[in-house]
């Protein structure tokens, strides 16, 4: 099973972003994203692509559930 992760955008360079979750960073391509993110936005990343930008409150709800299940240690700011 594959899970797409909500990650916070920390760097943007052209069509590539770097996003962070729990101290881990990933690069993702923006080629298929529906709404181009800005620094600090949350995006859903899967298989090296940002799929879409999500509301920060929605991201925090998802991350709180992941924390409760023990998937992550802490909820990012």
PDB file of N, CA and C in Angstrom:
ATOM      1  N   UNK A   1       0.839  -1.171   0.000  1.00  0.00           N
ATOM      2  CA  UNK A   1       0.000   0.000   0.000  1.00  0.00           C
ATOM      3  C   UNK A   1       0.887   1.238   0.000  1.00  0.00           C
ATOM      4  N   UNK A   2       0.538   2.218  -0.792  1.00  0.00           N
ATOM      5  CA  UNK A   2       1.273   3.478  -0.854  1.00  0.00           C
ATOM      6  C   UNK A   2       0.459   4.564  -0.163  1.00  0.00           C
ATOM      7  N   UNK A   3       1.144   5.405   0.561  1.00  0.00           N
ATOM      8  CA  UNK A   3       0.485   6.505   1.248  1.00  0.00           C
ATOM      9  C   UNK A   3       1.122   7.810   0.789  1.00  0.00           C
ATOM     10  N   UNK A   4       0.302   8.742   0.380  1.00  0.00           N
ATOM     11  CA  UNK A   4       0.796  10.063   0.010  1.00  0.00           C
ATOM     12  C   UNK A   4       0.904  10.889   1.278  1.00  0.00           C
ATOM     13  N   UNK A   5       2.007  11.594   1.424  1.00  0.00           N
ATOM     14  CA  UNK A   5       2.282  12.328   2.654  1.00  0.00           C
ATOM     15  C   UNK A   5       2.027  13.815   2.510  1.00  0.00           C
ATOM     16  N   UNK A   6       1.369  14.440   3.515  1.00  0.00           N
ATOM     17  CA  UNK A   6       1.273  15.897   3.523  1.00  0.00           C
ATOM     18  C   UNK A   6       2.596  16.469   4.037  1.00  0.00           C
ATOM     19  N   UNK A   7       3.254  17.276   3.234  1.00  0.00           N
ATOM     20  CA  UNK A   7       4.550  17.818   3.604  1.00  0.00           C
ATOM     21  C   UNK A   7       4.566  19.327   3.416  1.00  0.00           C
ATOM     22  N   UNK A   8       5.365  20.008   4.234  1.00  0.00           N
ATOM     23  CA  UNK A   8       5.459  21.462   4.208  1.00  0.00           C
ATOM     24  C   UNK A   8       6.561  21.897   3.246  1.00  0.00           C
ATOM     25  N   UNK A   9       6.223  22.805   2.328  1.00  0.00           N
ATOM     26  CA  UNK A   9       7.182  23.297   1.333  1.00  0.00           C
ATOM     27  C   UNK A   9       8.191  24.217   2.011  1.00  0.00           C
ATOM     28  N   UNK A  10       9.482  23.866   1.881  1.00  0.00           N
ATOM     29  CA  UNK A  10      10.529  24.678   2.499  1.00  0.00           C
ATOM     30  C   UNK A  10      11.454  25.330   1.482  1.00  0.00           C
ATOM     31  N   UNK A  11      11.357  24.916   0.222  1.00  0.00           N
ATOM     32  CA  UNK A  11      12.210  25.490  -0.826  1.00  0.00           C
ATOM     33  C   UNK A  11      11.539  25.273  -2.179  1.00  0.00           C
ATOM     34  N   UNK A  12      11.644  26.275  -3.049  1.00  0.00           N
ATOM     35  CA  UNK A  12      11.115  26.160  -4.406  1.00  0.00           C
ATOM     36  C   UNK A  12      12.186  26.641  -5.368  1.00  0.00           C
ATOM     37  N   UNK A  13      12.487  25.812  -6.356  1.00  0.00           N
ATOM     38  CA  UNK A  13      13.439  26.191  -7.398  1.00  0.00           C
ATOM     39  C   UNK A  13      12.879  25.718  -8.733  1.00  0.00           C
ATOM     40  N   UNK A  14      12.313  26.654  -9.483  1.00  0.00           N
ATOM     41  CA  UNK A  14      11.689  26.294 -10.751  1.00  0.00           C
ATOM     42  C   UNK A  14      10.494  25.400 -10.514  1.00  0.00           C
ATOM     43  N   UNK A  15      10.495  24.226 -11.130  1.00  0.00           N
ATOM     44  CA  UNK A  15       9.399  23.273 -10.982  1.00  0.00           C
ATOM     45  C   UNK A  15       9.696  22.179  -9.960  1.00  0.00           C
ATOM     46  N   UNK A  16      10.710  22.400  -9.134  1.00  0.00           N
ATOM     47  CA  UNK A  16      11.067  21.429  -8.104  1.00  0.00           C
ATOM     48  C   UNK A  16      10.924  22.081  -6.737  1.00  0.00           C
ATOM     49  N   UNK A  17      10.282  21.359  -5.821  1.00  0.00           N
ATOM     50  CA  UNK A  17      10.198  21.830  -4.448  1.00  0.00           C
ATOM     51  C   UNK A  17      10.955  20.873  -3.542  1.00  0.00           C
ATOM     52  N   UNK A  18      11.322  21.376  -2.396  1.00  0.00           N
ATOM     53  CA  UNK A  18      11.817  20.533  -1.309  1.00  0.00           C
ATOM     54  C   UNK A  18      10.803  20.728  -0.187  1.00  0.00           C
ATOM     55  N   UNK A  19      10.313  19.607   0.346  1.00  0.00           N
ATOM     56  CA  UNK A  19       9.307  19.657   1.398  1.00  0.00           C
ATOM     57  C   UNK A  19       9.777  18.804   2.570  1.00  0.00           C
ATOM     58  N   UNK A  20       9.242  19.126   3.757  1.00  0.00           N
ATOM     59  CA  UNK A  20       9.721  18.503   4.985  1.00  0.00           C
ATOM     60  C   UNK A  20       8.574  17.916   5.789  1.00  0.00           C
ATOM     61  N   UNK A  21       8.863  16.799   6.422  1.00  0.00           N
ATOM     62  CA  UNK A  21       7.943  16.185   7.376  1.00  0.00           C
ATOM     63  C   UNK A  21       8.769  15.428   8.404  1.00  0.00           C
ATOM     64  N   UNK A  22       8.681  15.847   9.643  1.00  0.00           N
ATOM     65  CA  UNK A  22       9.375  15.148  10.725  1.00  0.00           C
ATOM     66  C   UNK A  22      10.876  15.084  10.567  1.00  0.00           C
ATOM     67  N   UNK A  23      11.482  16.131  10.039  1.00  0.00           N
ATOM     68  CA  UNK A  23      12.930  16.161   9.853  1.00  0.00           C
ATOM     69  C   UNK A  23      13.409  15.507   8.564  1.00  0.00           C
ATOM     70  N   UNK A  24      12.531  14.830   7.858  1.00  0.00           N
ATOM     71  CA  UNK A  24      12.875  14.213   6.584  1.00  0.00           C
ATOM     72  C   UNK A  24      12.484  15.169   5.457  1.00  0.00           C
ATOM     73  N   UNK A  25      13.348  15.328   4.476  1.00  0.00           N
ATOM     74  CA  UNK A  25      13.021  16.170   3.332  1.00  0.00           C
ATOM     75  C   UNK A  25      12.950  15.341   2.064  1.00  0.00           C
ATOM     76  N   UNK A  26      12.107  15.783   1.163  1.00  0.00           N
ATOM     77  CA  UNK A  26      11.933  15.131  -0.142  1.00  0.00           C
ATOM     78  C   UNK A  26      11.857  16.204  -1.207  1.00  0.00           C
ATOM     79  N   UNK A  27      12.365  15.886  -2.382  1.00  0.00           N
ATOM     80  CA  UNK A  27      12.164  16.733  -3.547  1.00  0.00           C
ATOM     81  C   UNK A  27      10.966  16.211  -4.310  1.00  0.00           C
ATOM     82  N   UNK A  28      10.218  17.140  -4.904  1.00  0.00           N
ATOM     83  CA  UNK A  28       9.051  16.741  -5.685  1.00  0.00           C
ATOM     84  C   UNK A  28       8.893  17.671  -6.870  1.00  0.00           C
ATOM     85  N   UNK A  29       8.406  17.126  -7.947  1.00  0.00           N
ATOM     86  CA  UNK A  29       8.165  17.862  -9.178  1.00  0.00           C
ATOM     87  C   UNK A  29       6.775  18.481  -9.139  1.00  0.00           C
ATOM     88  N   UNK A  30       6.648  19.692  -9.671  1.00  0.00           N
ATOM     89  CA  UNK A  30       5.368  20.401  -9.687  1.00  0.00           C
ATOM     90  C   UNK A  30       4.602  20.235 -11.002  1.00  0.00           C
ATOM     91  N   UNK A  31       5.041  19.351 -11.870  1.00  0.00           N
ATOM     92  CA  UNK A  31       4.453  19.227 -13.207  1.00  0.00           C
ATOM     93  C   UNK A  31       2.955  18.930 -13.198  1.00  0.00           C
ATOM     94  N   UNK A  32       2.458  18.237 -12.181  1.00  0.00           N
ATOM     95  CA  UNK A  32       1.042  17.858 -12.210  1.00  0.00           C
ATOM     96  C   UNK A  32       0.221  18.498 -11.089  1.00  0.00           C
ATOM     97  N   UNK A  33       0.821  19.378 -10.310  1.00  0.00           N
ATOM     98  CA  UNK A  33       0.097  19.992  -9.199  1.00  0.00           C
ATOM     99  C   UNK A  33      -1.007  20.911  -9.726  1.00  0.00           C
ATOM    100  N   UNK A  34      -2.163  20.884  -9.053  1.00  0.00           N
ATOM    101  CA  UNK A  34      -3.305  21.668  -9.514  1.00  0.00           C
ATOM    102  C   UNK A  34      -3.182  23.159  -9.195  1.00  0.00           C
ATOM    103  N   UNK A  35      -2.539  23.504  -8.097  1.00  0.00           N
ATOM    104  CA  UNK A  35      -2.366  24.896  -7.696  1.00  0.00           C
ATOM    105  C   UNK A  35      -0.948  25.055  -7.154  1.00  0.00           C
ATOM    106  N   UNK A  36      -0.144  25.854  -7.820  1.00  0.00           N
ATOM    107  CA  UNK A  36       1.269  25.990  -7.466  1.00  0.00           C
ATOM    108  C   UNK A  36       1.419  26.461  -6.011  1.00  0.00           C
ATOM    109  N   UNK A  37       2.184  25.720  -5.208  1.00  0.00           N
ATOM    110  CA  UNK A  37       2.360  26.093  -3.803  1.00  0.00           C
ATOM    111  C   UNK A  37       3.378  27.218  -3.624  1.00  0.00           C
ATOM    112  N   UNK A  38       3.314  27.834  -2.465  1.00  0.00           N
ATOM    113  CA  UNK A  38       4.280  28.833  -2.040  1.00  0.00           C
ATOM    114  C   UNK A  38       4.993  28.290  -0.813  1.00  0.00           C
ATOM    115  N   UNK A  39       6.086  28.936  -0.425  1.00  0.00           N
ATOM    116  CA  UNK A  39       6.811  28.517   0.769  1.00  0.00           C
ATOM    117  C   UNK A  39       5.862  28.477   1.963  1.00  0.00           C
ATOM    118  N   UNK A  40       5.958  27.417   2.749  1.00  0.00           N
ATOM    119  CA  UNK A  40       5.123  27.260   3.925  1.00  0.00           C
ATOM    120  C   UNK A  40       3.810  26.541   3.674  1.00  0.00           C
ATOM    121  N   UNK A  41       3.423  26.391   2.417  1.00  0.00           N
ATOM    122  CA  UNK A  41       2.203  25.645   2.085  1.00  0.00           C
ATOM    123  C   UNK A  41       2.427  24.157   2.314  1.00  0.00           C
ATOM    124  N   UNK A  42       1.329  23.439   2.484  1.00  0.00           N
ATOM    125  CA  UNK A  42       1.381  21.979   2.555  1.00  0.00           C
ATOM    126  C   UNK A  42       0.941  21.400   1.222  1.00  0.00           C
ATOM    127  N   UNK A  43       1.625  20.350   0.806  1.00  0.00           N
ATOM    128  CA  UNK A  43       1.275  19.645  -0.422  1.00  0.00           C
ATOM    129  C   UNK A  43       1.234  18.153  -0.133  1.00  0.00           C
ATOM    130  N   UNK A  44       0.458  17.450  -0.938  1.00  0.00           N
ATOM    131  CA  UNK A  44       0.460  15.990  -0.883  1.00  0.00           C
ATOM    132  C   UNK A  44       1.497  15.524  -1.896  1.00  0.00           C
ATOM    133  N   UNK A  45       2.450  14.736  -1.418  1.00  0.00           N
ATOM    134  CA  UNK A  45       3.530  14.237  -2.280  1.00  0.00           C
ATOM    135  C   UNK A  45       3.425  12.722  -2.374  1.00  0.00           C
ATOM    136  N   UNK A  46       3.550  12.237  -3.594  1.00  0.00           N
ATOM    137  CA  UNK A  46       3.550  10.793  -3.843  1.00  0.00           C
ATOM    138  C   UNK A  46       4.407  10.511  -5.066  1.00  0.00           C
ATOM    139  N   UNK A  47       5.311   9.551  -4.933  1.00  0.00           N
ATOM    140  CA  UNK A  47       6.141   9.077  -6.042  1.00  0.00           C
ATOM    141  C   UNK A  47       6.903  10.207  -6.732  1.00  0.00           C
ATOM    142  N   UNK A  48       7.390  11.172  -5.943  1.00  0.00           N
ATOM    143  CA  UNK A  48       8.225  12.230  -6.495  1.00  0.00           C
ATOM    144  C   UNK A  48       7.478  13.395  -7.116  1.00  0.00           C
ATOM    145  N   UNK A  49       6.163  13.416  -6.974  1.00  0.00           N
ATOM    146  CA  UNK A  49       5.354  14.510  -7.528  1.00  0.00           C
ATOM    147  C   UNK A  49       4.481  15.124  -6.447  1.00  0.00           C
ATOM    148  N   UNK A  50       4.353  16.441  -6.492  1.00  0.00           N
ATOM    149  CA  UNK A  50       3.366  17.123  -5.669  1.00  0.00           C
ATOM    150  C   UNK A  50       2.027  16.954  -6.388  1.00  0.00           C
ATOM    151  N   UNK A  51       1.070  16.328  -5.733  1.00  0.00           N
ATOM    152  CA  UNK A  51      -0.219  16.059  -6.362  1.00  0.00           C
ATOM    153  C   UNK A  51      -1.161  17.248  -6.255  1.00  0.00           C
ATOM    154  N   UNK A  52      -1.214  17.846  -5.073  1.00  0.00           N
ATOM    155  CA  UNK A  52      -2.015  19.057  -4.898  1.00  0.00           C
ATOM    156  C   UNK A  52      -1.673  19.759  -3.588  1.00  0.00           C
ATOM    157  N   UNK A  53      -1.977  21.034  -3.563  1.00  0.00           N
ATOM    158  CA  UNK A  53      -1.800  21.840  -2.360  1.00  0.00           C
ATOM    159  C   UNK A  53      -3.007  21.596  -1.466  1.00  0.00           C
ATOM    160  N   UNK A  54      -2.771  21.507  -0.152  1.00  0.00           N
ATOM    161  CA  UNK A  54      -3.889  21.283   0.749  1.00  0.00           C
ATOM    162  C   UNK A  54      -3.941  22.369   1.821  1.00  0.00           C
ATOM    163  N   UNK A  55      -5.123  22.523   2.377  1.00  0.00           N
ATOM    164  CA  UNK A  55      -5.347  23.479   3.441  1.00  0.00           C
ATOM    165  C   UNK A  55      -4.485  23.110   4.651  1.00  0.00           C
ATOM    166  N   UNK A  56      -3.830  24.090   5.284  1.00  0.00           N
ATOM    167  CA  UNK A  56      -2.972  23.775   6.433  1.00  0.00           C
ATOM    168  C   UNK A  56      -3.716  23.074   7.576  1.00  0.00           C
ATOM    169  N   UNK A  57      -4.976  23.428   7.794  1.00  0.00           N
ATOM    170  CA  UNK A  57      -5.746  22.769   8.852  1.00  0.00           C
ATOM    171  C   UNK A  57      -6.009  21.302   8.513  1.00  0.00           C
ATOM    172  N   UNK A  58      -6.284  21.021   7.245  1.00  0.00           N
ATOM    173  CA  UNK A  58      -6.465  19.634   6.805  1.00  0.00           C
ATOM    174  C   UNK A  58      -5.176  18.844   7.006  1.00  0.00           C
ATOM    175  N   UNK A  59      -4.045  19.460   6.673  1.00  0.00           N
ATOM    176  CA  UNK A  59      -2.749  18.804   6.857  1.00  0.00           C
ATOM    177  C   UNK A  59      -2.512  18.494   8.330  1.00  0.00           C
ATOM    178  N   UNK A  60      -2.815  19.446   9.200  1.00  0.00           N
ATOM    179  CA  UNK A  60      -2.584  19.242  10.633  1.00  0.00           C
ATOM    180  C   UNK A  60      -3.496  18.149  11.201  1.00  0.00           C
ATOM    181  N   UNK A  61      -4.720  18.045  10.708  1.00  0.00           N
ATOM    182  CA  UNK A  61      -5.621  16.971  11.147  1.00  0.00           C
ATOM    183  C   UNK A  61      -5.042  15.617  10.743  1.00  0.00           C
ATOM    184  N   UNK A  62      -4.594  15.514   9.496  1.00  0.00           N
ATOM    185  CA  UNK A  62      -3.990  14.266   9.011  1.00  0.00           C
ATOM    186  C   UNK A  62      -2.752  13.922   9.821  1.00  0.00           C
ATOM    187  N   UNK A  63      -1.894  14.917  10.054  1.00  0.00           N
ATOM    188  CA  UNK A  63      -0.657  14.671  10.800  1.00  0.00           C
ATOM    189  C   UNK A  63      -0.949  14.298  12.252  1.00  0.00           C
ATOM    190  N   UNK A  64      -1.990  14.870  12.849  1.00  0.00           N
ATOM    191  CA  UNK A  64      -2.369  14.504  14.214  1.00  0.00           C
ATOM    192  C   UNK A  64      -2.802  13.036  14.274  1.00  0.00           C
ATOM    193  N   UNK A  65      -3.534  12.585  13.266  1.00  0.00           N
ATOM    194  CA  UNK A  65      -3.926  11.176  13.207  1.00  0.00           C
ATOM    195  C   UNK A  65      -2.712  10.277  13.040  1.00  0.00           C
ATOM    196  N   UNK A  66      -1.770  10.699  12.193  1.00  0.00           N
ATOM    197  CA  UNK A  66      -0.543   9.912  12.004  1.00  0.00           C
ATOM    198  C   UNK A  66       0.236   9.826  13.313  1.00  0.00           C
ATOM    199  N   UNK A  67       0.295  10.930  14.068  1.00  0.00           N
ATOM    200  CA  UNK A  67       0.985  10.918  15.366  1.00  0.00           C
ATOM    201  C   UNK A  67       0.298   9.946  16.308  1.00  0.00           C
ATOM    202  N   UNK A  68      -1.022   9.990  16.355  1.00  0.00           N
ATOM    203  CA  UNK A  68      -1.793   9.103  17.216  1.00  0.00           C
ATOM    204  C   UNK A  68      -1.533   7.632  16.877  1.00  0.00           C
ATOM    205  N   UNK A  69      -1.328   7.343  15.585  1.00  0.00           N
ATOM    206  CA  UNK A  69      -1.068   5.965  15.154  1.00  0.00           C
ATOM    207  C   UNK A  69       0.402   5.584  15.297  1.00  0.00           C
ATOM    208  N   UNK A  70       1.257   6.551  15.658  1.00  0.00           N
ATOM    209  CA  UNK A  70       2.676   6.268  15.828  1.00  0.00           C
ATOM    210  C   UNK A  70       3.486   6.329  14.552  1.00  0.00           C
ATOM    211  N   UNK A  71       2.923   6.889  13.480  1.00  0.00           N
ATOM    212  CA  UNK A  71       3.633   6.995  12.200  1.00  0.00           C
ATOM    213  C   UNK A  71       4.692   8.091  12.260  1.00  0.00           C
ATOM    214  N   UNK A  72       4.376   9.191  12.960  1.00  0.00           N
ATOM    215  CA  UNK A  72       5.342  10.288  13.143  1.00  0.00           C
ATOM    216  C   UNK A  72       5.436  10.587  14.629  1.00  0.00           C
ATOM    217  N   UNK A  73       6.547  11.199  15.037  1.00  0.00           N
ATOM    218  CA  UNK A  73       6.770  11.498  16.455  1.00  0.00           C
ATOM    219  C   UNK A  73       6.155  12.821  16.896  1.00  0.00           C
ATOM    220  N   UNK A  74       6.147  13.794  16.003  1.00  0.00           N
ATOM    221  CA  UNK A  74       5.603  15.097  16.368  1.00  0.00           C
ATOM    222  C   UNK A  74       4.950  15.770  15.166  1.00  0.00           C
ATOM    223  N   UNK A  75       4.055  16.685  15.457  1.00  0.00           N
ATOM    224  CA  UNK A  75       3.370  17.430  14.411  1.00  0.00           C
ATOM    225  C   UNK A  75       4.184  18.686  14.124  1.00  0.00           C
ATOM    226  N   UNK A  76       4.592  18.905  12.866  1.00  0.00           N
ATOM    227  CA  UNK A  76       5.390  20.088  12.558  1.00  0.00           C
ATOM    228  C   UNK A  76       4.600  21.372  12.763  1.00  0.00           C
ATOM    229  N   UNK A  77       5.330  22.477  12.940  1.00  0.00           N
ATOM    230  CA  UNK A  77       4.698  23.800  13.103  1.00  0.00           C
ATOM    231  C   UNK A  77       4.002  24.228  11.858  1.00  0.00           C
TER     232      UNK A  77
END
